[in-house]
Amino acid sequence: MSDTHLTEPEVEASPTKPLPSPPWWRSSRWASFAALAIALIATAVAIASWFRPAPQPSPAFTDQQTTQAKTNVCSAYTAVHQGVVRNTHLADPNPNDAAGQFAIAANARLALLGGGAYLHDRLAAEPATPADLAQAVNSMGMTIEQLGVGYLEAASNIVLDPLRHDLDSQIAQINKLCG
C-alpha cells in the first residue's frame, strides 16, 4: 500500500473550492465569440451582395414613347389574334383528305407557336409598353405557345381546356387595354 497523506503545506496549496470564474461578459472567450460571429455575418453579407445584382433604375419614358409602344404592341396583338383565330378554325372541305387535314393542323400549330414568339419579340422591342398591357400580352403569348405544344403532343382536352379558358380571359383583358 502506498501512503498518500498530504502534508499541511500541500493541503493549503490544493484548495477544495474552485476559484470563482469571472462573469460571462467579462470573459475573454465572449469577446472572441462575438468577434467571430460578427466576422461570419459580415462575410455572409458580403457574399450575398456580391451575387445580388444592383438595382437598375427604371427608365423614364415620355408619354409619346408609351403611346407609341402601346400602339405597336396592340397592333401585334391584333395581327396574332386574327392569325390564330383564322388558322385554328379552318375546316377541310374534304373530310377524307388526310393531307388537307394535316396541313390545317400544321397551320394551326404554326399560328399558335409563331404568334406567341412574335408577341414576346414585340414586347422586348417595346420597353415603354405600359406594365399592365405588357403583362397581359406576355401571358397570352405563353398561353398560345402552351396550346401549340399541347396540340403537337396531342394532349387531352383535360389539359387543353384550362388553357383555352385562360386564353379567352386574356383576350378579353387585352381588348379592354387596347380598346
C-alpha atoms as a PDB file:
ATOM      1  CA  MET A   1       0.000   0.000   0.000  1.00  0.00           C
ATOM      2  CA  SER A   2       1.118   3.374  -0.656  1.00  0.00           C
ATOM      3  CA  ASP A   3       0.879   6.093   1.744  1.00  0.00           C
ATOM      4  CA  THR A   4      -0.915   9.054   0.245  1.00  0.00           C
ATOM      5  CA  HIS A   5      -1.066  11.506   3.018  1.00  0.00           C
ATOM      6  CA  LEU A   6      -0.787  15.133   2.226  1.00  0.00           C
ATOM      7  CA  THR A   7       1.337  17.321   4.335  1.00  0.00           C
ATOM      8  CA  GLU A   8      -0.064  20.521   5.704  1.00  0.00           C
ATOM      9  CA  PRO A   9       1.510  22.861   3.154  1.00  0.00           C
ATOM     10  CA  GLU A  10       0.213  20.655   0.331  1.00  0.00           C
ATOM     11  CA  VAL A  11      -3.320  20.812   1.734  1.00  0.00           C
ATOM     12  CA  GLU A  12      -3.231  24.555   1.737  1.00  0.00           C
ATOM     13  CA  ALA A  13      -1.904  24.591  -1.837  1.00  0.00           C
ATOM     14  CA  SER A  14      -4.756  22.439  -3.181  1.00  0.00           C
ATOM     15  CA  PRO A  15      -7.940  24.250  -2.321  1.00  0.00           C
ATOM     16  CA  THR A  16     -11.143  22.277  -2.210  1.00  0.00           C
ATOM     17  CA  LYS A  17     -13.159  25.148  -3.622  1.00  0.00           C
ATOM     18  CA  PRO A  18     -12.586  26.193  -7.221  1.00  0.00           C
ATOM     19  CA  LEU A  19     -11.797  29.793  -7.828  1.00  0.00           C
ATOM     20  CA  PRO A  20     -14.840  31.741  -8.980  1.00  0.00           C
ATOM     21  CA  SER A  21     -14.897  32.360 -12.734  1.00  0.00           C
ATOM     22  CA  PRO A  22     -15.468  35.872 -13.952  1.00  0.00           C
ATOM     23  CA  PRO A  23     -18.956  36.693 -15.257  1.00  0.00           C
ATOM     24  CA  TRP A  24     -19.541  35.806 -18.917  1.00  0.00           C
ATOM     25  CA  TRP A  25     -19.486  39.411 -20.043  1.00  0.00           C
ATOM     26  CA  ARG A  26     -16.006  39.828 -18.603  1.00  0.00           C
ATOM     27  CA  SER A  27     -14.704  36.607 -20.047  1.00  0.00           C
ATOM     28  CA  SER A  28     -12.113  36.857 -22.806  1.00  0.00           C
ATOM     29  CA  ARG A  29     -13.867  33.962 -24.568  1.00  0.00           C
ATOM     30  CA  TRP A  30     -17.025  36.028 -25.010  1.00  0.00           C
ATOM     31  CA  ALA A  31     -15.146  38.706 -26.907  1.00  0.00           C
ATOM     32  CA  SER A  32     -13.641  36.066 -29.183  1.00  0.00           C
ATOM     33  CA  PHE A  33     -17.020  34.507 -29.933  1.00  0.00           C
ATOM     34  CA  ALA A  34     -18.584  37.909 -30.564  1.00  0.00           C
ATOM     35  CA  ALA A  35     -15.794  38.848 -32.960  1.00  0.00           C
ATOM     36  CA  LEU A  36     -16.180  35.522 -34.767  1.00  0.00           C
ATOM     37  CA  ALA A  37     -19.955  35.952 -35.063  1.00  0.00           C
ATOM     38  CA  ILE A  38     -19.569  39.487 -36.434  1.00  0.00           C
ATOM     39  CA  ALA A  39     -16.968  38.296 -38.929  1.00  0.00           C
ATOM     40  CA  LEU A  40     -19.237  35.480 -40.112  1.00  0.00           C
ATOM     41  CA  ILE A  41     -22.194  37.829 -40.521  1.00  0.00           C
ATOM     42  CA  ALA A  42     -20.060  40.343 -42.414  1.00  0.00           C
ATOM     43  CA  THR A  43     -18.776  37.586 -44.699  1.00  0.00           C
ATOM     44  CA  ALA A  44     -22.303  36.356 -45.412  1.00  0.00           C
ATOM     45  CA  VAL A  45     -23.484  39.885 -46.210  1.00  0.00           C
ATOM     46  CA  ALA A  46     -20.506  40.479 -48.477  1.00  0.00           C
ATOM     47  CA  ILE A  47     -21.102  37.235 -50.374  1.00  0.00           C
ATOM     48  CA  ALA A  48     -24.823  37.960 -50.734  1.00  0.00           C
ATOM     49  CA  SER A  49     -24.193  41.474 -52.019  1.00  0.00           C
ATOM     50  CA  TRP A  50     -21.609  40.184 -54.472  1.00  0.00           C
ATOM     51  CA  PHE A  51     -24.123  37.888 -56.186  1.00  0.00           C
ATOM     52  CA  ARG A  52     -27.130  40.179 -55.958  1.00  0.00           C
ATOM     53  CA  PRO A  53     -27.466  42.422 -58.988  1.00  0.00           C
ATOM     54  CA  ALA A  54     -27.517  46.113 -58.351  1.00  0.00           C
ATOM     55  CA  PRO A  55     -30.977  47.619 -58.724  1.00  0.00           C
ATOM     56  CA  GLN A  56     -31.400  49.154 -62.121  1.00  0.00           C
ATOM     57  CA  PRO A  57     -33.229  52.437 -62.268  1.00  0.00           C
ATOM     58  CA  SER A  58     -36.377  52.077 -64.267  1.00  0.00           C
ATOM     59  CA  PRO A  59     -36.085  54.134 -67.394  1.00  0.00           C
ATOM     60  CA  ALA A  60     -38.411  57.044 -67.694  1.00  0.00           C
ATOM     61  CA  PHE A  61     -40.374  57.104 -70.920  1.00  0.00           C
ATOM     62  CA  THR A  62     -42.168  60.044 -72.386  1.00  0.00           C
ATOM     63  CA  ASP A  63     -45.906  59.911 -72.926  1.00  0.00           C
ATOM     64  CA  GLN A  64     -45.252  59.785 -76.650  1.00  0.00           C
ATOM     65  CA  GLN A  65     -42.965  56.746 -76.281  1.00  0.00           C
ATOM     66  CA  THR A  66     -45.512  54.980 -74.087  1.00  0.00           C
ATOM     67  CA  THR A  67     -48.337  55.733 -76.515  1.00  0.00           C
ATOM     68  CA  GLN A  68     -46.280  54.527 -79.487  1.00  0.00           C
ATOM     69  CA  ALA A  69     -45.269  51.335 -77.667  1.00  0.00           C
ATOM     70  CA  LYS A  70     -48.893  50.640 -76.750  1.00  0.00           C
ATOM     71  CA  THR A  71     -49.949  51.197 -80.356  1.00  0.00           C
ATOM     72  CA  ASN A  72     -47.248  48.849 -81.653  1.00  0.00           C
ATOM     73  CA  VAL A  73     -47.962  46.099 -79.117  1.00  0.00           C
ATOM     74  CA  CYS A  74     -51.725  46.333 -79.668  1.00  0.00           C
ATOM     75  CA  SER A  75     -51.137  46.118 -83.419  1.00  0.00           C
ATOM     76  CA  ALA A  76     -49.003  42.994 -82.933  1.00  0.00           C
ATOM     77  CA  TYR A  77     -51.689  41.526 -80.669  1.00  0.00           C
ATOM     78  CA  THR A  78     -54.389  42.170 -83.274  1.00  0.00           C
ATOM     79  CA  ALA A  79     -52.341  40.503 -86.021  1.00  0.00           C
ATOM     80  CA  VAL A  80     -51.588  37.454 -83.859  1.00  0.00           C
ATOM     81  CA  HIS A  81     -55.167  37.185 -82.614  1.00  0.00           C
ATOM     82  CA  GLN A  82     -56.562  37.271 -86.156  1.00  0.00           C
ATOM     83  CA  GLY A  83     -53.973  34.746 -87.385  1.00  0.00           C
ATOM     84  CA  VAL A  84     -54.638  32.362 -84.510  1.00  0.00           C
ATOM     85  CA  VAL A  85     -58.420  32.582 -84.891  1.00  0.00           C
ATOM     86  CA  ARG A  86     -58.260  32.122 -88.654  1.00  0.00           C
ATOM     87  CA  ASN A  87     -55.834  29.189 -88.576  1.00  0.00           C
ATOM     88  CA  THR A  88     -57.328  27.327 -85.625  1.00  0.00           C
ATOM     89  CA  HIS A  89     -60.855  27.421 -87.029  1.00  0.00           C
ATOM     90  CA  LEU A  90     -60.184  26.229 -90.565  1.00  0.00           C
ATOM     91  CA  ALA A  91     -62.254  23.324 -91.790  1.00  0.00           C
ATOM     92  CA  ASP A  92     -61.244  20.953 -94.566  1.00  0.00           C
ATOM     93  CA  PRO A  93     -63.955  20.863 -97.210  1.00  0.00           C
ATOM     94  CA  ASN A  94     -62.988  17.263 -97.964  1.00  0.00           C
ATOM     95  CA  PRO A  95     -63.014  15.279 -94.678  1.00  0.00           C
ATOM     96  CA  ASN A  96     -61.444  12.276 -96.459  1.00  0.00           C
ATOM     97  CA  ASP A  97     -58.338  14.261 -97.441  1.00  0.00           C
ATOM     98  CA  ALA A  98     -55.664  13.278 -94.880  1.00  0.00           C
ATOM     99  CA  ALA A  99     -53.079  15.652 -96.358  1.00  0.00           C
ATOM    100  CA  GLY A 100     -55.520  18.554 -96.151  1.00  0.00           C
ATOM    101  CA  GLN A 101     -56.328  17.786 -92.515  1.00  0.00           C
ATOM    102  CA  PHE A 102     -52.639  17.546 -91.705  1.00  0.00           C
ATOM    103  CA  ALA A 103     -51.965  20.903 -93.416  1.00  0.00           C
ATOM    104  CA  ILE A 104     -54.770  22.587 -91.494  1.00  0.00           C
ATOM    105  CA  ALA A 105     -53.484  21.167 -88.186  1.00  0.00           C
ATOM    106  CA  ALA A 106     -49.921  22.259 -89.028  1.00  0.00           C
ATOM    107  CA  ASN A 107     -51.083  25.797 -89.819  1.00  0.00           C
ATOM    108  CA  ALA A 108     -52.960  25.987 -86.514  1.00  0.00           C
ATOM    109  CA  ARG A 109     -49.879  24.892 -84.564  1.00  0.00           C
ATOM    110  CA  LEU A 110     -47.678  27.280 -86.501  1.00  0.00           C
ATOM    111  CA  ALA A 111     -50.057  30.164 -85.786  1.00  0.00           C
ATOM    112  CA  LEU A 112     -50.005  29.376 -82.061  1.00  0.00           C
ATOM    113  CA  LEU A 113     -46.279  28.845 -81.653  1.00  0.00           C
ATOM    114  CA  GLY A 114     -45.248  31.602 -84.052  1.00  0.00           C
ATOM    115  CA  GLY A 115     -47.820  34.010 -82.653  1.00  0.00           C
ATOM    116  CA  GLY A 116     -46.586  33.522 -79.089  1.00  0.00           C
ATOM    117  CA  ALA A 117     -42.964  34.065 -80.118  1.00  0.00           C
ATOM    118  CA  TYR A 118     -43.934  37.141 -82.137  1.00  0.00           C
ATOM    119  CA  LEU A 119     -45.723  38.686 -79.151  1.00  0.00           C
ATOM    120  CA  HIS A 120     -42.701  38.084 -76.908  1.00  0.00           C
ATOM    121  CA  ASP A 121     -40.416  39.661 -79.528  1.00  0.00           C
ATOM    122  CA  ARG A 122     -42.659  42.720 -79.916  1.00  0.00           C
ATOM    123  CA  LEU A 123     -42.767  43.238 -76.157  1.00  0.00           C
ATOM    124  CA  ALA A 124     -38.991  43.007 -75.943  1.00  0.00           C
ATOM    125  CA  ALA A 125     -38.700  45.614 -78.708  1.00  0.00           C
ATOM    126  CA  GLU A 126     -41.106  47.986 -76.931  1.00  0.00           C
ATOM    127  CA  PRO A 127     -39.820  48.573 -73.374  1.00  0.00           C
ATOM    128  CA  ALA A 128     -42.101  51.609 -72.965  1.00  0.00           C
ATOM    129  CA  THR A 129     -45.200  49.385 -73.089  1.00  0.00           C
ATOM    130  CA  PRO A 130     -47.455  50.030 -70.071  1.00  0.00           C
ATOM    131  CA  ALA A 131     -46.881  47.346 -67.434  1.00  0.00           C
ATOM    132  CA  ASP A 132     -50.473  46.047 -67.359  1.00  0.00           C
ATOM    133  CA  LEU A 133     -50.575  45.629 -71.136  1.00  0.00           C
ATOM    134  CA  ALA A 134     -47.112  44.055 -71.231  1.00  0.00           C
ATOM    135  CA  GLN A 135     -48.098  41.530 -68.561  1.00  0.00           C
ATOM    136  CA  ALA A 136     -51.357  40.633 -70.325  1.00  0.00           C
ATOM    137  CA  VAL A 137     -49.728  40.255 -73.753  1.00  0.00           C
ATOM    138  CA  ASN A 138     -46.860  38.228 -72.273  1.00  0.00           C
ATOM    139  CA  SER A 139     -49.374  35.914 -70.571  1.00  0.00           C
ATOM    140  CA  MET A 140     -51.272  35.477 -73.822  1.00  0.00           C
ATOM    141  CA  GLY A 141     -48.032  34.702 -75.660  1.00  0.00           C
ATOM    142  CA  MET A 142     -47.184  31.982 -73.141  1.00  0.00           C
ATOM    143  CA  THR A 143     -50.691  30.546 -73.250  1.00  0.00           C
ATOM    144  CA  ILE A 144     -50.853  30.242 -77.025  1.00  0.00           C
ATOM    145  CA  GLU A 145     -47.392  28.684 -77.072  1.00  0.00           C
ATOM    146  CA  GLN A 146     -48.546  26.152 -74.465  1.00  0.00           C
ATOM    147  CA  LEU A 147     -51.597  25.411 -76.601  1.00  0.00           C
ATOM    148  CA  GLY A 148     -49.384  24.929 -79.652  1.00  0.00           C
ATOM    149  CA  VAL A 149     -47.173  22.478 -77.797  1.00  0.00           C
ATOM    150  CA  GLY A 150     -50.266  20.772 -76.395  1.00  0.00           C
ATOM    151  CA  TYR A 151     -51.607  20.264 -79.912  1.00  0.00           C
ATOM    152  CA  LEU A 152     -48.218  18.984 -81.070  1.00  0.00           C
ATOM    153  CA  GLU A 153     -48.168  16.366 -78.347  1.00  0.00           C
ATOM    154  CA  ALA A 154     -51.859  15.516 -78.852  1.00  0.00           C
ATOM    155  CA  ALA A 155     -52.719  16.494 -75.273  1.00  0.00           C
ATOM    156  CA  SER A 156     -56.177  15.677 -73.999  1.00  0.00           C
ATOM    157  CA  ASN A 157     -58.944  18.218 -73.519  1.00  0.00           C
ATOM    158  CA  ILE A 158     -58.375  17.935 -69.776  1.00  0.00           C
ATOM    159  CA  VAL A 159     -55.039  19.663 -70.382  1.00  0.00           C
ATOM    160  CA  LEU A 160     -56.101  21.995 -73.190  1.00  0.00           C
ATOM    161  CA  ASP A 161     -59.463  23.265 -71.898  1.00  0.00           C
ATOM    162  CA  PRO A 162     -57.997  25.291 -69.000  1.00  0.00           C
ATOM    163  CA  LEU A 163     -55.535  26.876 -71.441  1.00  0.00           C
ATOM    164  CA  ARG A 164     -58.372  27.758 -73.821  1.00  0.00           C
ATOM    165  CA  HIS A 165     -60.307  29.278 -70.924  1.00  0.00           C
ATOM    166  CA  ASP A 166     -57.249  31.308 -69.855  1.00  0.00           C
ATOM    167  CA  LEU A 167     -56.796  32.475 -73.443  1.00  0.00           C
ATOM    168  CA  ASP A 168     -60.395  33.707 -73.614  1.00  0.00           C
ATOM    169  CA  SER A 169     -59.860  35.722 -70.404  1.00  0.00           C
ATOM    170  CA  GLN A 170     -56.563  37.129 -71.672  1.00  0.00           C
ATOM    171  CA  ILE A 171     -58.122  38.180 -74.984  1.00  0.00           C
ATOM    172  CA  ALA A 172     -60.931  39.983 -73.162  1.00  0.00           C
ATOM    173  CA  GLN A 173     -58.415  41.772 -70.923  1.00  0.00           C
ATOM    174  CA  ILE A 174     -56.190  42.844 -73.835  1.00  0.00           C
ATOM    175  CA  ASN A 175     -59.201  44.027 -75.818  1.00  0.00           C
ATOM    176  CA  LYS A 176     -60.054  46.354 -72.910  1.00  0.00           C
ATOM    177  CA  LEU A 177     -56.473  47.587 -72.616  1.00  0.00           C
ATOM    178  CA  CYS A 178     -56.044  48.178 -76.350  1.00  0.00           C
ATOM    179  CA  GLY A 179     -59.639  49.419 -76.741  1.00  0.00           C
END
